[in-house]
Structure formats: structure tokens, C-alpha cells
Amino acid sequence: MMKAEVVTFGETMVLFDPSETGKLRYVERFVKRIGGAESNLAIGLQKLGHATLWMSKVGADELGTYVTKTIRAEGVNTDYVKRTAEAPTGMYIKEKVRPEETKVYYYRHGSAASQFTAEDLEIDKIREARILHITGITPLLSKSCEAAVRRAIDVAKENEVLISFDPNLRHTLIQKYGEQEAKTLLCELAAEADLVMPGLDEAVWMYGLNTEEEMAEHLLKQGPKQVVLKNGADYSFFAEKDGESGRVDSYKVKQVVDAIGAGDGFAAGVLSGLLEGQPLNEAVRLGSAVGALVVSSAGDVEGLPDREEVDAYMNKIIAGAGGVLR
């Protein structure tokens, strides 16, 4: 199999997506899908033409088989996913309360992925990669997961592998871990990364500063070389150490079908651009286009576009043919 350009690891769960709108007590039919920030990114990059590898631990159960099989079917290398009979594969359920209001309920406590350890990492694959991507979800799952994240970062630094970090805050995990302790940990990990991509609200929670410029300046002083602050449907702010900074407008979407997973698609687009040698502002523009396409489709990975689709969409906008997804 082709050497992976991007290596990532974390929990992917089975998603039960309701087929109808309303409170769960009234819903009778669900569609089975998968969802996980790191595997979403790996699949997104794979579709954009980049070889990726995802590591994790799943239960020795049918749901674990389903998760691994589904991710492998998208072309992602899953050869180093471990299975355990000691814990189940996690799952979560979406509730589409109203057309534009979605809630998510996680059933991941004690899951197989929370038992992932530093020993489960395939160190040589991290050494060979161009990018290691981590999120703030994995280190909050358990102390062993935190140790795995720290070990992966050390290996990446030793081998000059770019470290990409998306805080991807999950407040249920934060409350369980302890809010101040979680904040300290995530700020430490962000300082170790080369590229940090928080949402604006996440950066406010982490650093308590008022403007994008202040947040970016603070982060760049901590260690990262590049920062991207996502402001949802409006714009993204980017900044580089000793380089340019500015805003990139988001692509407009007339009807949001499912916003969950958009941030992972955005991150995949940014990393794709950087892998191709694009300047940061153009990589952010690519990420914005991928994010817009993702929110226009149901499911965490089903809406992730291939490169031909993204290029056609962006070219349509450049040509002035209209940039609003319907």
C-alpha cells in the first residue's frame, strides 16, 4: 500500500442517524453510518487524492467490523487498527429536533477506543508521514489516550513531521476530565503543533481573548507556525509566523442539511492545499469549499467531496456562475 502522507488516530463510532425530524421518542427509523473526527479527516483527504492512515482500537464486535470495513472501503489504510474483546465499539445517536437543529448523544464511556495506548501506535508510520493530525477529542478519552497523543507528537517532532491540531471541543468529555485541567491540556497540545485550526468559539474558550488578531498572535508566540480560526458560515482568519494574515470568506450555503462533520472537511481541505504547496490563504479557501459541500449533505462522511467536485464548484464561483449551494 502507498506510504501515507497523513497519519491520524482516534475514536470512530457507529452513528444512528434518524430518518425523520422530531424528538427521539417519536422516531422509529434510523440510518446506520460512521462518524469520528480523525477518520472523517482521513477519508476527506483520501477523496482529495492523498494517501492516509488511521489508527484506533475497536471492539471485537459487529460494530467494530463495520467501522473498520467502512473506512477501509474509502481507501484509508486501516491495517493498524486493533481489536479488543474487553470493551465495545462506541456509538452515538443524532436527534434532528428541527430542520436546522441537531443534537448528538454519545455512548462512548469505556469504549474500546478509550483503551488505546502509546504501545498501539505504529511509530514507523508516523516517522514516514508528512503530517500527523491530532484532535482535542482523543487525549480527553483516557489517560492512556493522552499518553498516546503525547508520544505521537514526540515522534513527529523528532522526524520533522508537521503536526496539525484541531481542538474539536467535546464539552461532555471536558466536563468529565475537568474543565480547567482540560483547558490546560489542550493549550499545551496546541503549543506543540505547527498548525492549529480551532473554531473561533473554541479559541475564546481556550484563551479568553477578544479578537482573531489577539488569539492568532498569542498562539504564534506559543510555538505554532500557522493558525486558522474558523468562524463558521462567515469567514476564516489565518495567520503565519513572520508571514501574512487575513480573512477568507466562507462559501455560502442556502440550505444546511447537516452541519456535523463540516469542520473535519474544512481541515481536510486545508491540509490538502498545504500538501500541494499552496499558500495558507489558498489552502483555507479550499477548506472552505470542502466545508460548504459537506454541510449540504447528510452524514459525517457521505458529503465529503472528491477533488473533481471541489474544483468544479470553485471554478463555477470564479466564473461568476453563482456560489450558493442549494
Protein backbone atom coordinates (compact mmCIF):
# COMPACT_ATOMS: atom_id res chain seq x y z
CA MET A 1 0.00 0.00 0.00
CA MET A 2 1.17 3.55 -0.77
CA LYS A 3 3.01 5.33 2.03
CA ALA A 4 0.61 7.57 3.94
CA GLU A 5 1.09 11.32 3.62
CA VAL A 6 -1.14 11.95 6.63
CA VAL A 7 -1.39 9.78 9.74
CA THR A 8 -4.07 10.24 12.37
CA PHE A 9 -5.68 8.26 15.17
CA GLY A 10 -8.74 8.44 17.39
CA GLU A 11 -12.19 7.07 18.03
CA THR A 12 -14.72 6.39 15.30
CA MET A 13 -18.18 5.40 16.45
CA VAL A 14 -21.24 3.99 14.82
CA LEU A 15 -23.79 6.69 14.18
CA PHE A 16 -27.53 6.09 14.19
CA ASP A 17 -28.98 8.90 12.11
CA PRO A 18 -32.76 9.41 12.34
CA SER A 19 -34.69 9.19 9.09
CA GLU A 20 -37.14 11.82 10.24
CA THR A 21 -37.26 15.09 12.15
CA GLY A 22 -38.50 15.20 15.73
CA LYS A 23 -37.62 14.12 19.25
CA LEU A 24 -36.10 10.66 19.52
CA ARG A 25 -39.12 9.37 21.44
CA TYR A 26 -41.13 9.69 18.24
CA VAL A 27 -38.51 8.41 15.76
CA GLU A 28 -38.79 4.81 14.60
CA ARG A 29 -36.27 4.53 11.75
CA PHE A 30 -32.54 5.23 11.66
CA VAL A 31 -29.75 5.00 9.09
CA LYS A 32 -26.52 3.39 10.28
CA ARG A 33 -23.39 5.41 9.47
CA ILE A 34 -19.98 6.09 11.00
CA GLY A 35 -18.56 9.26 12.49
CA GLY A 36 -15.27 10.25 14.03
CA ALA A 37 -13.28 13.46 13.63
CA GLU A 38 -10.00 11.81 12.72
CA SER A 39 -11.41 9.22 10.33
CA ASN A 40 -13.60 11.92 8.75
CA LEU A 41 -10.44 13.89 8.01
CA ALA A 42 -8.62 10.80 6.72
CA ILE A 43 -11.50 9.97 4.37
CA GLY A 44 -11.76 13.60 3.28
CA LEU A 45 -8.08 13.73 2.37
CA GLN A 46 -8.25 10.35 0.65
CA LYS A 47 -11.07 11.63 -1.55
CA LEU A 48 -8.99 14.70 -2.36
CA GLY A 49 -6.20 12.46 -3.63
CA HIS A 50 -3.90 11.98 -0.62
CA ALA A 51 -2.88 8.68 0.97
CA THR A 52 -3.93 8.47 4.62
CA LEU A 53 -3.63 6.07 7.54
CA TRP A 54 -5.97 5.89 10.54
CA MET A 55 -5.18 4.04 13.77
CA SER A 56 -7.62 3.16 16.52
CA LYS A 57 -8.99 0.38 18.68
CA VAL A 58 -12.45 -1.11 18.12
CA GLY A 59 -14.45 -3.79 19.86
CA ALA A 60 -14.28 -7.39 18.71
CA ASP A 61 -17.92 -7.00 17.73
CA GLU A 62 -20.01 -6.46 14.62
CA LEU A 63 -20.00 -2.68 15.04
CA GLY A 64 -16.20 -2.69 15.18
CA THR A 65 -16.07 -4.71 11.99
CA TYR A 66 -18.49 -2.28 10.37
CA VAL A 67 -16.40 0.76 11.36
CA THR A 68 -13.14 -0.67 10.04
CA LYS A 69 -14.68 -2.07 6.87
CA THR A 70 -16.40 1.24 6.05
CA ILE A 71 -13.25 3.34 6.50
CA ARG A 72 -11.14 0.86 4.53
CA ALA A 73 -13.67 0.98 1.71
CA GLU A 74 -12.91 4.70 1.32
CA GLY A 75 -9.26 3.89 0.64
CA VAL A 76 -7.87 4.75 4.07
CA ASN A 77 -5.19 2.40 5.41
CA THR A 78 -6.71 0.62 8.44
CA ASP A 79 -4.06 -2.10 8.76
CA TYR A 80 -3.06 -0.94 12.24
CA VAL A 81 -6.49 -0.77 13.85
CA LYS A 82 -6.54 -3.01 16.92
CA ARG A 83 -9.48 -5.11 18.13
CA THR A 84 -10.31 -5.94 21.73
CA ALA A 85 -12.84 -8.23 23.38
CA GLU A 86 -12.52 -6.23 26.59
CA ALA A 87 -14.67 -3.25 25.52
CA PRO A 88 -17.34 -2.41 22.95
CA THR A 89 -17.23 -0.12 19.93
CA GLY A 90 -18.68 3.28 20.84
CA MET A 91 -21.79 4.71 19.21
CA TYR A 92 -23.80 7.90 19.09
CA ILE A 93 -27.27 8.99 18.06
CA LYS A 94 -28.34 12.19 16.34
CA GLU A 95 -31.63 13.91 17.10
CA LYS A 96 -32.93 16.25 14.40
CA VAL A 97 -35.19 18.28 16.64
CA ARG A 98 -35.98 20.72 13.84
CA PRO A 99 -34.67 21.07 10.26
CA GLU A 100 -31.74 23.25 11.38
CA GLU A 101 -31.31 22.00 14.95
CA THR A 102 -29.40 18.79 15.60
CA LYS A 103 -28.45 17.30 18.96
CA VAL A 104 -25.96 14.49 19.48
CA TYR A 105 -25.96 11.85 22.24
CA TYR A 106 -22.72 9.90 22.79
CA TYR A 107 -22.44 6.37 24.20
CA ARG A 108 -18.67 6.07 24.39
CA HIS A 109 -17.84 5.65 28.10
CA GLY A 110 -15.48 2.69 28.49
CA SER A 111 -15.33 2.12 24.75
CA ALA A 112 -12.59 0.17 23.01
CA ALA A 113 -11.04 3.33 21.58
CA SER A 114 -10.68 4.81 25.07
CA GLN A 115 -8.30 1.91 25.80
CA PHE A 116 -5.90 2.93 23.02
CA THR A 117 -2.33 3.27 24.33
CA ALA A 118 1.03 4.58 23.18
CA GLU A 119 2.01 0.96 22.52
CA ASP A 120 -0.81 0.73 19.98
CA LEU A 121 0.80 3.43 17.81
CA GLU A 122 2.62 2.33 14.67
CA ILE A 123 5.62 4.58 15.23
CA ASP A 124 7.29 3.93 11.86
CA LYS A 125 4.20 5.15 10.01
CA ILE A 126 4.30 8.44 11.89
CA ARG A 127 8.00 8.81 11.08
CA GLU A 128 7.30 8.31 7.36
CA ALA A 129 4.37 10.72 7.13
CA ARG A 130 4.36 14.35 6.03
CA ILE A 131 1.62 15.31 8.51
CA LEU A 132 0.42 13.97 11.86
CA HIS A 133 -3.11 15.18 12.57
CA ILE A 134 -4.48 15.08 16.11
CA THR A 135 -7.62 16.45 17.74
CA GLY A 136 -8.55 17.51 21.25
CA ILE A 137 -11.01 14.63 21.48
CA THR A 138 -8.55 11.75 21.77
CA PRO A 139 -6.45 12.95 24.74
CA LEU A 140 -9.61 13.52 26.78
CA LEU A 141 -10.88 9.95 26.31
CA SER A 142 -8.48 8.49 28.88
CA LYS A 143 -5.03 8.86 30.37
CA SER A 144 -3.73 6.14 28.04
CA CYS A 145 -5.07 8.06 25.04
CA GLU A 146 -3.44 11.24 26.34
CA ALA A 147 -0.13 9.37 26.63
CA ALA A 148 -0.54 8.10 23.06
CA VAL A 149 -1.08 11.65 21.78
CA ARG A 150 1.99 12.94 23.60
CA ARG A 151 4.10 10.04 22.28
CA ALA A 152 2.91 10.63 18.72
CA ILE A 153 3.79 14.33 18.98
CA ASP A 154 7.27 13.49 20.24
CA VAL A 155 7.87 11.11 17.33
CA ALA A 156 6.61 13.66 14.82
CA LYS A 157 8.88 16.37 16.22
CA GLU A 158 11.90 14.06 16.20
CA ASN A 159 11.29 13.35 12.50
CA GLU A 160 10.24 16.84 11.36
CA VAL A 161 6.70 15.73 10.57
CA LEU A 162 4.25 18.64 10.50
CA ILE A 163 1.81 18.45 13.42
CA SER A 164 -1.74 19.61 12.75
CA PHE A 165 -4.06 20.16 15.71
CA ASP A 166 -7.82 20.73 15.71
CA PRO A 167 -9.19 21.21 19.26
CA ASN A 168 -12.60 19.86 18.18
CA LEU A 169 -14.05 20.50 21.63
CA ARG A 170 -16.46 17.96 23.11
CA HIS A 171 -17.91 19.52 26.25
CA THR A 172 -19.13 16.22 27.69
CA LEU A 173 -15.55 14.94 27.66
CA ILE A 174 -14.28 18.26 29.02
CA GLN A 175 -16.65 18.15 31.99
CA LYS A 176 -15.69 14.56 32.74
CA TYR A 177 -11.96 15.35 32.54
CA GLY A 178 -12.29 18.61 34.49
CA GLU A 179 -12.72 21.94 32.73
CA GLN A 180 -9.56 23.67 33.90
CA GLU A 181 -7.45 20.55 33.51
CA ALA A 182 -8.82 20.01 30.00
CA LYS A 183 -8.17 23.62 29.05
CA THR A 184 -4.57 23.38 30.28
CA LEU A 185 -4.01 20.13 28.39
CA LEU A 186 -5.45 21.37 25.09
CA CYS A 187 -3.47 24.62 25.29
CA GLU A 188 -0.31 22.56 25.87
CA LEU A 189 -1.02 20.40 22.82
CA ALA A 190 -1.80 23.43 20.67
CA ALA A 191 1.58 24.92 21.64
CA GLU A 192 3.30 21.75 20.43
CA ALA A 193 1.65 21.84 16.99
CA ASP A 194 2.84 23.51 13.79
CA LEU A 195 -0.68 24.26 12.53
CA VAL A 196 -3.65 24.93 14.84
CA MET A 197 -7.22 25.13 13.49
CA PRO A 198 -9.75 25.96 16.23
CA GLY A 199 -13.20 27.34 15.75
CA LEU A 200 -13.45 30.93 16.94
CA ASP A 201 -15.65 29.90 19.87
CA GLU A 202 -13.15 27.17 20.77
CA ALA A 203 -10.29 29.67 20.77
CA VAL A 204 -12.30 32.01 23.01
CA TRP A 205 -12.84 29.16 25.47
CA MET A 206 -9.19 28.15 25.39
CA TYR A 207 -7.55 31.58 25.56
CA GLY A 208 -10.19 34.10 26.63
CA LEU A 209 -9.05 36.77 24.18
CA ASN A 210 -11.33 39.12 22.28
CA THR A 211 -10.23 39.31 18.65
CA GLU A 212 -8.89 36.95 16.00
CA GLU A 213 -5.72 39.02 15.76
CA GLU A 214 -5.08 38.70 19.51
CA MET A 215 -5.75 34.97 19.51
CA ALA A 216 -3.56 34.33 16.48
CA GLU A 217 -0.72 36.46 17.89
CA HIS A 218 -0.94 34.63 21.21
CA LEU A 219 -0.87 31.21 19.54
CA LEU A 220 2.02 32.06 17.23
CA LYS A 221 4.07 33.12 20.25
CA GLN A 222 3.41 29.75 21.90
CA GLY A 223 5.02 27.71 19.11
CA PRO A 224 2.76 27.07 16.08
CA LYS A 225 3.86 28.48 12.73
CA GLN A 226 0.35 28.73 11.26
CA VAL A 227 -3.07 29.42 12.76
CA VAL A 228 -6.53 29.21 11.21
CA LEU A 229 -9.55 30.44 13.18
CA LYS A 230 -12.87 29.21 11.78
CA ASN A 231 -15.89 31.47 12.09
CA GLY A 232 -18.49 29.14 10.64
CA ALA A 233 -20.54 30.37 7.73
CA ASP A 234 -18.96 33.85 7.74
CA TYR A 235 -15.19 33.60 7.26
CA SER A 236 -11.93 32.11 8.47
CA PHE A 237 -9.00 34.12 9.79
CA PHE A 238 -5.49 32.88 9.02
CA ALA A 239 -2.08 33.99 10.26
CA GLU A 240 1.51 32.83 9.83
CA LYS A 241 4.57 33.46 11.95
CA ASP A 242 6.53 36.22 10.18
CA GLY A 243 4.05 36.00 7.33
CA GLU A 244 0.66 37.08 6.08
CA SER A 245 -2.65 37.21 7.90
CA GLY A 246 -6.19 37.96 6.79
CA ARG A 247 -9.71 36.71 6.26
CA VAL A 248 -11.10 34.26 3.73
CA ASP A 249 -14.85 34.47 3.22
CA SER A 250 -16.83 31.25 3.63
CA TYR A 251 -18.78 29.89 0.70
CA LYS A 252 -22.49 30.48 1.16
CA VAL A 253 -24.89 27.58 1.54
CA LYS A 254 -28.60 28.24 1.08
CA GLN A 255 -29.77 25.16 2.94
CA VAL A 256 -27.69 23.37 5.58
CA VAL A 257 -28.61 19.69 5.57
CA ASP A 258 -26.20 18.51 8.28
CA ALA A 259 -23.51 20.74 9.81
CA ILE A 260 -21.80 17.98 11.79
CA GLY A 261 -18.51 16.99 10.17
CA ALA A 262 -18.05 20.31 8.36
CA GLY A 263 -15.03 21.22 10.50
CA ASP A 264 -13.33 17.94 9.64
CA GLY A 265 -13.99 18.55 5.95
CA PHE A 266 -12.58 22.06 6.30
CA ALA A 267 -9.42 20.70 7.95
CA ALA A 268 -9.04 18.09 5.21
CA GLY A 269 -9.23 20.82 2.58
CA VAL A 270 -6.64 22.98 4.35
CA LEU A 271 -4.21 20.07 4.73
CA SER A 272 -4.77 19.06 1.10
CA GLY A 273 -3.85 22.55 -0.02
CA LEU A 274 -0.71 22.60 2.12
CA LEU A 275 0.35 19.17 0.86
CA GLU A 276 0.04 20.54 -2.67
CA GLY A 277 2.25 23.51 -1.83
CA GLN A 278 -0.48 26.14 -1.76
CA PRO A 279 -0.02 29.27 0.40
CA LEU A 280 -2.08 29.20 3.59
CA ASN A 281 -4.77 31.59 2.35
CA GLU A 282 -5.46 29.40 -0.71
CA ALA A 283 -5.44 26.26 1.43
CA VAL A 284 -8.04 27.90 3.68
CA ARG A 285 -10.11 28.77 0.60
CA LEU A 286 -10.02 25.10 -0.43
CA GLY A 287 -11.03 24.09 3.09
CA SER A 288 -13.97 26.48 2.98
CA ALA A 289 -15.20 24.95 -0.28
CA VAL A 290 -14.97 21.42 1.12
CA GLY A 291 -16.83 22.50 4.27
CA ALA A 292 -19.62 24.06 2.21
CA LEU A 293 -20.09 20.87 0.22
CA VAL A 294 -20.11 18.76 3.40
CA VAL A 295 -22.91 20.72 5.10
CA SER A 296 -25.05 20.31 2.01
CA SER A 297 -25.26 16.52 2.50
CA ALA A 298 -26.42 14.18 5.27
CA GLY A 299 -23.90 12.18 7.26
CA ASP A 300 -20.39 12.87 8.52
CA VAL A 301 -18.52 11.39 5.53
CA GLU A 302 -21.07 10.96 2.77
CA GLY A 303 -20.82 14.60 1.74
CA LEU A 304 -17.03 14.71 1.63
CA PRO A 305 -16.26 15.61 -2.00
CA ASP A 306 -13.59 14.33 -4.36
CA ARG A 307 -11.15 16.78 -5.93
CA GLU A 308 -13.03 16.97 -9.23
CA GLU A 309 -16.20 18.03 -7.41
CA VAL A 310 -14.40 20.68 -5.35
CA ASP A 311 -12.58 22.08 -8.36
CA ALA A 312 -15.82 22.27 -10.36
CA TYR A 313 -17.55 24.11 -7.52
CA MET A 314 -14.70 26.59 -7.03
CA ASN A 315 -14.33 27.19 -10.78
CA LYS A 316 -18.05 27.85 -11.02
CA ILE A 317 -17.70 30.61 -8.45
CA ILE A 318 -14.61 32.08 -10.12
CA ALA A 319 -16.52 32.16 -13.40
CA GLY A 320 -19.30 34.10 -11.70
CA ALA A 321 -21.88 31.40 -12.26
CA GLY A 322 -23.05 31.58 -8.66
CA GLY A 323 -21.54 30.30 -5.45
CA VAL A 324 -24.55 29.42 -3.37
CA LEU A 325 -25.13 25.72 -2.79
CA ARG A 326 -28.79 24.78 -2.84
